[in-house]
PDB file of N, CA and C in Angstrom:
ATOM      1  N   UNK A   1       0.825  -1.184   0.000  1.00  0.00           N
ATOM      2  CA  UNK A   1       0.000   0.000   0.000  1.00  0.00           C
ATOM      3  C   UNK A   1       0.874   1.253   0.000  1.00  0.00           C
ATOM      4  N   UNK A   2       0.345   2.281  -0.596  1.00  0.00           N
ATOM      5  CA  UNK A   2       1.017   3.574  -0.646  1.00  0.00           C
ATOM      6  C   UNK A   2       0.620   4.398   0.569  1.00  0.00           C
ATOM      7  N   UNK A   3       1.597   5.051   1.185  1.00  0.00           N
ATOM      8  CA  UNK A   3       1.333   5.990   2.269  1.00  0.00           C
ATOM      9  C   UNK A   3       1.301   7.386   1.671  1.00  0.00           C
ATOM     10  N   UNK A   4       0.264   8.146   1.974  1.00  0.00           N
ATOM     11  CA  UNK A   4       0.097   9.499   1.438  1.00  0.00           C
ATOM     12  C   UNK A   4       0.328  10.505   2.558  1.00  0.00           C
ATOM     13  N   UNK A   5       1.358  11.344   2.399  1.00  0.00           N
ATOM     14  CA  UNK A   5       1.651  12.411   3.343  1.00  0.00           C
ATOM     15  C   UNK A   5       1.110  13.702   2.752  1.00  0.00           C
ATOM     16  N   UNK A   6       0.151  14.308   3.427  1.00  0.00           N
ATOM     17  CA  UNK A   6      -0.563  15.464   2.888  1.00  0.00           C
ATOM     18  C   UNK A   6      -0.200  16.704   3.709  1.00  0.00           C
ATOM     19  N   UNK A   7       0.234  17.765   2.998  1.00  0.00           N
ATOM     20  CA  UNK A   7       0.721  18.977   3.658  1.00  0.00           C
ATOM     21  C   UNK A   7      -0.162  20.203   3.454  1.00  0.00           C
ATOM     22  N   UNK A   8      -1.199  20.116   2.643  1.00  0.00           N
ATOM     23  CA  UNK A   8      -2.066  21.272   2.389  1.00  0.00           C
ATOM     24  C   UNK A   8      -3.479  20.783   2.101  1.00  0.00           C
ATOM     25  N   UNK A   9      -4.433  21.693   2.193  1.00  0.00           N
ATOM     26  CA  UNK A   9      -5.812  21.319   1.903  1.00  0.00           C
ATOM     27  C   UNK A   9      -5.975  20.962   0.426  1.00  0.00           C
ATOM     28  N   UNK A  10      -5.300  21.699  -0.461  1.00  0.00           N
ATOM     29  CA  UNK A  10      -5.354  21.362  -1.884  1.00  0.00           C
ATOM     30  C   UNK A  10      -4.700  20.003  -2.128  1.00  0.00           C
ATOM     31  N   UNK A  11      -3.613  19.731  -1.410  1.00  0.00           N
ATOM     32  CA  UNK A  11      -2.968  18.429  -1.512  1.00  0.00           C
ATOM     33  C   UNK A  11      -3.897  17.303  -1.097  1.00  0.00           C
ATOM     34  N   UNK A  12      -4.716  17.544  -0.067  1.00  0.00           N
ATOM     35  CA  UNK A  12      -5.676  16.530   0.362  1.00  0.00           C
ATOM     36  C   UNK A  12      -6.713  16.273  -0.720  1.00  0.00           C
ATOM     37  N   UNK A  13      -7.222  17.334  -1.323  1.00  0.00           N
ATOM     38  CA  UNK A  13      -8.201  17.162  -2.397  1.00  0.00           C
ATOM     39  C   UNK A  13      -7.610  16.354  -3.547  1.00  0.00           C
ATOM     40  N   UNK A  14      -6.376  16.674  -3.946  1.00  0.00           N
ATOM     41  CA  UNK A  14      -5.722  15.940  -5.030  1.00  0.00           C
ATOM     42  C   UNK A  14      -5.454  14.492  -4.645  1.00  0.00           C
ATOM     43  N   UNK A  15      -5.021  14.283  -3.418  1.00  0.00           N
ATOM     44  CA  UNK A  15      -4.753  12.933  -2.921  1.00  0.00           C
ATOM     45  C   UNK A  15      -6.009  12.077  -2.964  1.00  0.00           C
ATOM     46  N   UNK A  16      -7.117  12.622  -2.483  1.00  0.00           N
ATOM     47  CA  UNK A  16      -8.353  11.847  -2.413  1.00  0.00           C
ATOM     48  C   UNK A  16      -8.868  11.453  -3.786  1.00  0.00           C
ATOM     49  N   UNK A  17      -8.516  12.204  -4.805  1.00  0.00           N
ATOM     50  CA  UNK A  17      -8.922  11.864  -6.165  1.00  0.00           C
ATOM     51  C   UNK A  17      -8.117  10.695  -6.734  1.00  0.00           C
ATOM     52  N   UNK A  18      -6.933  10.468  -6.198  1.00  0.00           N
ATOM     53  CA  UNK A  18      -6.010   9.513  -6.811  1.00  0.00           C
ATOM     54  C   UNK A  18      -5.642   8.303  -5.957  1.00  0.00           C
ATOM     55  N   UNK A  19      -5.884   8.361  -4.681  1.00  0.00           N
ATOM     56  CA  UNK A  19      -5.436   7.265  -3.823  1.00  0.00           C
ATOM     57  C   UNK A  19      -6.397   6.076  -3.889  1.00  0.00           C
ATOM     58  N   UNK A  20      -5.881   4.925  -3.556  1.00  0.00           N
ATOM     59  CA  UNK A  20      -6.710   3.730  -3.386  1.00  0.00           C
ATOM     60  C   UNK A  20      -7.397   3.845  -2.034  1.00  0.00           C
ATOM     61  N   UNK A  21      -8.597   3.381  -1.923  1.00  0.00           N
ATOM     62  CA  UNK A  21      -9.383   3.569  -0.695  1.00  0.00           C
ATOM     63  C   UNK A  21      -8.744   2.949   0.549  1.00  0.00           C
ATOM     64  N   UNK A  22      -7.882   1.975   0.381  1.00  0.00           N
ATOM     65  CA  UNK A  22      -7.238   1.338   1.531  1.00  0.00           C
ATOM     66  C   UNK A  22      -5.899   1.976   1.892  1.00  0.00           C
ATOM     67  N   UNK A  23      -5.417   2.914   1.069  1.00  0.00           N
ATOM     68  CA  UNK A  23      -4.147   3.577   1.345  1.00  0.00           C
ATOM     69  C   UNK A  23      -4.280   4.518   2.536  1.00  0.00           C
ATOM     70  N   UNK A  24      -3.337   4.444   3.488  1.00  0.00           N
ATOM     71  CA  UNK A  24      -3.394   5.359   4.629  1.00  0.00           C
ATOM     72  C   UNK A  24      -2.985   6.779   4.226  1.00  0.00           C
ATOM     73  N   UNK A  25      -3.601   7.760   4.894  1.00  0.00           N
ATOM     74  CA  UNK A  25      -3.346   9.176   4.656  1.00  0.00           C
ATOM     75  C   UNK A  25      -2.929   9.797   5.987  1.00  0.00           C
ATOM     76  N   UNK A  26      -1.865  10.616   5.950  1.00  0.00           N
ATOM     77  CA  UNK A  26      -1.422  11.340   7.135  1.00  0.00           C
ATOM     78  C   UNK A  26      -1.539  12.834   6.852  1.00  0.00           C
ATOM     79  N   UNK A  27      -2.267  13.547   7.714  1.00  0.00           N
ATOM     80  CA  UNK A  27      -2.394  14.992   7.590  1.00  0.00           C
ATOM     81  C   UNK A  27      -1.286  15.657   8.394  1.00  0.00           C
ATOM     82  N   UNK A  28      -0.528  16.518   7.697  1.00  0.00           N
ATOM     83  CA  UNK A  28       0.603  17.215   8.298  1.00  0.00           C
ATOM     84  C   UNK A  28       0.501  18.700   7.967  1.00  0.00           C
ATOM     85  N   UNK A  29       1.164  19.532   8.750  1.00  0.00           N
ATOM     86  CA  UNK A  29       1.208  20.958   8.432  1.00  0.00           C
ATOM     87  C   UNK A  29      -0.182  21.554   8.322  1.00  0.00           C
ATOM     88  N   UNK A  30      -0.359  22.398   7.293  1.00  0.00           N
ATOM     89  CA  UNK A  30      -1.636  23.094   7.113  1.00  0.00           C
ATOM     90  C   UNK A  30      -2.790  22.182   6.712  1.00  0.00           C
ATOM     91  N   UNK A  31      -2.509  20.969   6.297  1.00  0.00           N
ATOM     92  CA  UNK A  31      -3.623  20.069   5.957  1.00  0.00           C
ATOM     93  C   UNK A  31      -4.427  19.693   7.189  1.00  0.00           C
ATOM     94  N   UNK A  32      -3.870  19.907   8.378  1.00  0.00           N
ATOM     95  CA  UNK A  32      -4.616  19.586   9.593  1.00  0.00           C
ATOM     96  C   UNK A  32      -5.873  20.442   9.732  1.00  0.00           C
ATOM     97  N   UNK A  33      -5.927  21.595   9.069  1.00  0.00           N
ATOM     98  CA  UNK A  33      -7.145  22.411   9.088  1.00  0.00           C
ATOM     99  C   UNK A  33      -8.332  21.655   8.487  1.00  0.00           C
ATOM    100  N   UNK A  34      -8.047  20.667   7.653  1.00  0.00           N
ATOM    101  CA  UNK A  34      -9.113  19.881   7.015  1.00  0.00           C
ATOM    102  C   UNK A  34      -9.747  18.874   7.972  1.00  0.00           C
ATOM    103  N   UNK A  35      -9.219  18.743   9.177  1.00  0.00           N
ATOM    104  CA  UNK A  35      -9.758  17.778  10.134  1.00  0.00           C
ATOM    105  C   UNK A  35     -11.233  17.995  10.416  1.00  0.00           C
ATOM    106  N   UNK A  36     -11.649  19.232  10.418  1.00  0.00           N
ATOM    107  CA  UNK A  36     -13.029  19.539  10.760  1.00  0.00           C
ATOM    108  C   UNK A  36     -14.010  19.066   9.706  1.00  0.00           C
ATOM    109  N   UNK A  37     -13.525  18.840   8.487  1.00  0.00           N
ATOM    110  CA  UNK A  37     -14.412  18.409   7.412  1.00  0.00           C
ATOM    111  C   UNK A  37     -13.999  17.077   6.791  1.00  0.00           C
ATOM    112  N   UNK A  38     -13.019  16.433   7.369  1.00  0.00           N
ATOM    113  CA  UNK A  38     -12.495  15.187   6.817  1.00  0.00           C
ATOM    114  C   UNK A  38     -13.448  14.038   7.145  1.00  0.00           C
ATOM    115  N   UNK A  39     -13.846  13.295   6.124  1.00  0.00           N
ATOM    116  CA  UNK A  39     -14.779  12.187   6.349  1.00  0.00           C
ATOM    117  C   UNK A  39     -14.170  10.836   5.995  1.00  0.00           C
ATOM    118  N   UNK A  40     -12.851  10.774   5.917  1.00  0.00           N
ATOM    119  CA  UNK A  40     -12.174   9.502   5.682  1.00  0.00           C
ATOM    120  C   UNK A  40     -11.399   9.129   6.939  1.00  0.00           C
ATOM    121  N   UNK A  41     -11.066   7.859   7.045  1.00  0.00           N
ATOM    122  CA  UNK A  41     -10.178   7.446   8.120  1.00  0.00           C
ATOM    123  C   UNK A  41      -8.773   7.886   7.756  1.00  0.00           C
ATOM    124  N   UNK A  42      -8.110   8.575   8.678  1.00  0.00           N
ATOM    125  CA  UNK A  42      -6.742   9.014   8.405  1.00  0.00           C
ATOM    126  C   UNK A  42      -6.012   9.259   9.713  1.00  0.00           C
ATOM    127  N   UNK A  43      -4.746   9.600   9.575  1.00  0.00           N
ATOM    128  CA  UNK A  43      -3.885   9.925  10.705  1.00  0.00           C
ATOM    129  C   UNK A  43      -3.617  11.422  10.682  1.00  0.00           C
ATOM    130  N   UNK A  44      -3.318  11.980  11.846  1.00  0.00           N
ATOM    131  CA  UNK A  44      -2.893  13.376  11.925  1.00  0.00           C
ATOM    132  C   UNK A  44      -1.694  13.445  12.868  1.00  0.00           C
ATOM    133  N   UNK A  45      -0.695  14.212  12.473  1.00  0.00           N
ATOM    134  CA  UNK A  45       0.452  14.422  13.350  1.00  0.00           C
ATOM    135  C   UNK A  45       0.000  15.356  14.471  1.00  0.00           C
ATOM    136  N   UNK A  46      -0.010  14.851  15.680  1.00  0.00           N
ATOM    137  CA  UNK A  46      -0.578  15.590  16.811  1.00  0.00           C
ATOM    138  C   UNK A  46       0.120  16.926  17.031  1.00  0.00           C
ATOM    139  N   UNK A  47       1.423  17.000  16.846  1.00  0.00           N
ATOM    140  CA  UNK A  47       2.149  18.259  17.045  1.00  0.00           C
ATOM    141  C   UNK A  47       1.682  19.332  16.065  1.00  0.00           C
ATOM    142  N   UNK A  48       1.388  18.938  14.823  1.00  0.00           N
ATOM    143  CA  UNK A  48       0.926  19.909  13.828  1.00  0.00           C
ATOM    144  C   UNK A  48      -0.489  20.391  14.132  1.00  0.00           C
ATOM    145  N   UNK A  49      -1.351  19.493  14.575  1.00  0.00           N
ATOM    146  CA  UNK A  49      -2.717  19.892  14.934  1.00  0.00           C
ATOM    147  C   UNK A  49      -2.688  20.815  16.145  1.00  0.00           C
ATOM    148  N   UNK A  50      -1.906  20.481  17.135  1.00  0.00           N
ATOM    149  CA  UNK A  50      -1.805  21.306  18.339  1.00  0.00           C
ATOM    150  C   UNK A  50      -1.250  22.687  18.018  1.00  0.00           C
ATOM    151  N   UNK A  51      -0.243  22.750  17.157  1.00  0.00           N
ATOM    152  CA  UNK A  51       0.359  24.032  16.775  1.00  0.00           C
ATOM    153  C   UNK A  51      -0.642  24.944  16.087  1.00  0.00           C
ATOM    154  N   UNK A  52      -1.676  24.366  15.491  1.00  0.00           N
ATOM    155  CA  UNK A  52      -2.695  25.150  14.789  1.00  0.00           C
ATOM    156  C   UNK A  52      -3.967  25.311  15.613  1.00  0.00           C
ATOM    157  N   UNK A  53      -3.912  24.921  16.878  1.00  0.00           N
ATOM    158  CA  UNK A  53      -5.051  25.097  17.776  1.00  0.00           C
ATOM    159  C   UNK A  53      -6.197  24.148  17.508  1.00  0.00           C
ATOM    160  N   UNK A  54      -5.909  23.012  16.888  1.00  0.00           N
ATOM    161  CA  UNK A  54      -6.953  22.040  16.561  1.00  0.00           C
ATOM    162  C   UNK A  54      -6.826  20.868  17.524  1.00  0.00           C
ATOM    163  N   UNK A  55      -7.813  20.740  18.377  1.00  0.00           N
ATOM    164  CA  UNK A  55      -7.765  19.642  19.346  1.00  0.00           C
ATOM    165  C   UNK A  55      -8.922  18.672  19.167  1.00  0.00           C
ATOM    166  N   UNK A  56      -9.944  19.100  18.476  1.00  0.00           N
ATOM    167  CA  UNK A  56     -11.121  18.256  18.290  1.00  0.00           C
ATOM    168  C   UNK A  56     -11.095  17.656  16.895  1.00  0.00           C
ATOM    169  N   UNK A  57     -10.931  16.359  16.834  1.00  0.00           N
ATOM    170  CA  UNK A  57     -11.030  15.676  15.551  1.00  0.00           C
ATOM    171  C   UNK A  57     -11.875  14.437  15.727  1.00  0.00           C
ATOM    172  N   UNK A  58     -12.553  14.070  14.662  1.00  0.00           N
ATOM    173  CA  UNK A  58     -13.550  13.009  14.706  1.00  0.00           C
ATOM    174  C   UNK A  58     -13.006  11.647  15.069  1.00  0.00           C
ATOM    175  N   UNK A  59     -13.920  10.717  15.221  1.00  0.00           N
ATOM    176  CA  UNK A  59     -13.569   9.341  15.574  1.00  0.00           C
ATOM    177  C   UNK A  59     -12.792   8.636  14.478  1.00  0.00           C
ATOM    178  N   UNK A  60     -12.889   9.142  13.247  1.00  0.00           N
ATOM    179  CA  UNK A  60     -12.196   8.502  12.134  1.00  0.00           C
ATOM    180  C   UNK A  60     -10.755   8.980  11.986  1.00  0.00           C
ATOM    181  N   UNK A  61     -10.312   9.866  12.884  1.00  0.00           N
ATOM    182  CA  UNK A  61      -8.964  10.424  12.827  1.00  0.00           C
ATOM    183  C   UNK A  61      -8.139   9.849  13.967  1.00  0.00           C
ATOM    184  N   UNK A  62      -6.995   9.312  13.624  1.00  0.00           N
ATOM    185  CA  UNK A  62      -6.097   8.755  14.643  1.00  0.00           C
ATOM    186  C   UNK A  62      -4.899   9.676  14.799  1.00  0.00           C
ATOM    187  N   UNK A  63      -4.679  10.164  15.985  1.00  0.00           N
ATOM    188  CA  UNK A  63      -3.566  11.058  16.279  1.00  0.00           C
ATOM    189  C   UNK A  63      -2.286  10.248  16.467  1.00  0.00           C
ATOM    190  N   UNK A  64      -1.194  10.702  15.837  1.00  0.00           N
ATOM    191  CA  UNK A  64       0.093  10.020  15.978  1.00  0.00           C
ATOM    192  C   UNK A  64       1.177  11.039  16.326  1.00  0.00           C
ATOM    193  N   UNK A  65       2.261  10.553  16.903  1.00  0.00           N
ATOM    194  CA  UNK A  65       3.419  11.395  17.176  1.00  0.00           C
ATOM    195  C   UNK A  65       4.484  11.125  16.118  1.00  0.00           C
ATOM    196  N   UNK A  66       5.660  11.728  16.275  1.00  0.00           N
ATOM    197  CA  UNK A  66       6.706  11.554  15.265  1.00  0.00           C
ATOM    198  C   UNK A  66       7.162  10.100  15.141  1.00  0.00           C
ATOM    199  N   UNK A  67       7.205   9.386  16.258  1.00  0.00           N
ATOM    200  CA  UNK A  67       7.581   7.965  16.212  1.00  0.00           C
ATOM    201  C   UNK A  67       6.559   7.172  15.397  1.00  0.00           C
ATOM    202  N   UNK A  68       5.287   7.497  15.557  1.00  0.00           N
ATOM    203  CA  UNK A  68       4.240   6.833  14.769  1.00  0.00           C
ATOM    204  C   UNK A  68       4.363   7.141  13.293  1.00  0.00           C
ATOM    205  N   UNK A  69       4.752   8.369  12.967  1.00  0.00           N
ATOM    206  CA  UNK A  69       4.963   8.744  11.567  1.00  0.00           C
ATOM    207  C   UNK A  69       6.115   7.945  10.966  1.00  0.00           C
ATOM    208  N   UNK A  70       7.181   7.790  11.720  1.00  0.00           N
ATOM    209  CA  UNK A  70       8.320   6.994  11.247  1.00  0.00           C
ATOM    210  C   UNK A  70       7.894   5.543  11.023  1.00  0.00           C
ATOM    211  N   UNK A  71       7.124   4.989  11.943  1.00  0.00           N
ATOM    212  CA  UNK A  71       6.642   3.613  11.790  1.00  0.00           C
ATOM    213  C   UNK A  71       5.820   3.446  10.517  1.00  0.00           C
ATOM    214  N   UNK A  72       4.935   4.408  10.259  1.00  0.00           N
ATOM    215  CA  UNK A  72       4.121   4.334   9.043  1.00  0.00           C
ATOM    216  C   UNK A  72       4.989   4.400   7.786  1.00  0.00           C
ATOM    217  N   UNK A  73       5.972   5.281   7.778  1.00  0.00           N
ATOM    218  CA  UNK A  73       6.810   5.406   6.580  1.00  0.00           C
ATOM    219  C   UNK A  73       7.667   4.157   6.373  1.00  0.00           C
ATOM    220  N   UNK A  74       8.064   3.515   7.455  1.00  0.00           N
ATOM    221  CA  UNK A  74       8.857   2.287   7.332  1.00  0.00           C
ATOM    222  C   UNK A  74       8.004   1.106   6.870  1.00  0.00           C
ATOM    223  N   UNK A  75       6.710   1.143   7.158  1.00  0.00           N
ATOM    224  CA  UNK A  75       5.824   0.025   6.855  1.00  0.00           C
ATOM    225  C   UNK A  75       5.195   0.107   5.467  1.00  0.00           C
ATOM    226  N   UNK A  76       5.360   1.233   4.767  1.00  0.00           N
ATOM    227  CA  UNK A  76       4.692   1.410   3.479  1.00  0.00           C
ATOM    228  C   UNK A  76       5.684   1.802   2.390  1.00  0.00           C
ATOM    229  N   UNK A  77       5.414   1.303   1.211  1.00  0.00           N
ATOM    230  CA  UNK A  77       6.224   1.634   0.046  1.00  0.00           C
ATOM    231  C   UNK A  77       5.336   1.586  -1.170  1.00  0.00           C
ATOM    232  N   UNK A  78       5.248   2.659  -1.913  1.00  0.00           N
ATOM    233  CA  UNK A  78       5.967   3.927  -1.808  1.00  0.00           C
ATOM    234  C   UNK A  78       5.279   4.878  -0.837  1.00  0.00           C
ATOM    235  N   UNK A  79       5.981   5.994  -0.572  1.00  0.00           N
ATOM    236  CA  UNK A  79       5.439   7.099   0.199  1.00  0.00           C
ATOM    237  C   UNK A  79       5.330   8.282  -0.739  1.00  0.00           C
ATOM    238  N   UNK A  80       4.130   8.867  -0.814  1.00  0.00           N
ATOM    239  CA  UNK A  80       3.874   9.974  -1.733  1.00  0.00           C
ATOM    240  C   UNK A  80       3.536  11.222  -0.918  1.00  0.00           C
ATOM    241  N   UNK A  81       4.133  12.362  -1.286  1.00  0.00           N
ATOM    242  CA  UNK A  81       3.853  13.635  -0.627  1.00  0.00           C
ATOM    243  C   UNK A  81       2.940  14.478  -1.496  1.00  0.00           C
ATOM    244  N   UNK A  82       1.972  15.126  -0.846  1.00  0.00           N
ATOM    245  CA  UNK A  82       1.028  16.021  -1.522  1.00  0.00           C
ATOM    246  C   UNK A  82       1.168  17.386  -0.874  1.00  0.00           C
ATOM    247  N   UNK A  83       1.803  18.307  -1.575  1.00  0.00           N
ATOM    248  CA  UNK A  83       2.084  19.618  -0.995  1.00  0.00           C
ATOM    249  C   UNK A  83       1.621  20.761  -1.898  1.00  0.00           C
ATOM    250  N   UNK A  84       0.640  20.546  -2.727  1.00  0.00           N
ATOM    251  CA  UNK A  84       0.186  21.576  -3.654  1.00  0.00           C
ATOM    252  C   UNK A  84      -0.146  22.844  -2.927  1.00  0.00           C
TER     253      UNK A  84
END
């Protein structure tokens, strides 16, 4: 499976058009603003969400730390970045 690292809201929109439904998605940076409207299961880097004042995310969002991000990148190949 491909791991999708998403860095912007536009990147998330582009990612969702192209990813396989079982591919994991990680919201990083400014893409964390999309948490309030995200309706897919995904991961969010907790430090990035906290830095943007976002603490409430739905049941379909799993919060991870940097160690969790490293684990995901080691477990998936390829890793694709979406930073539009």
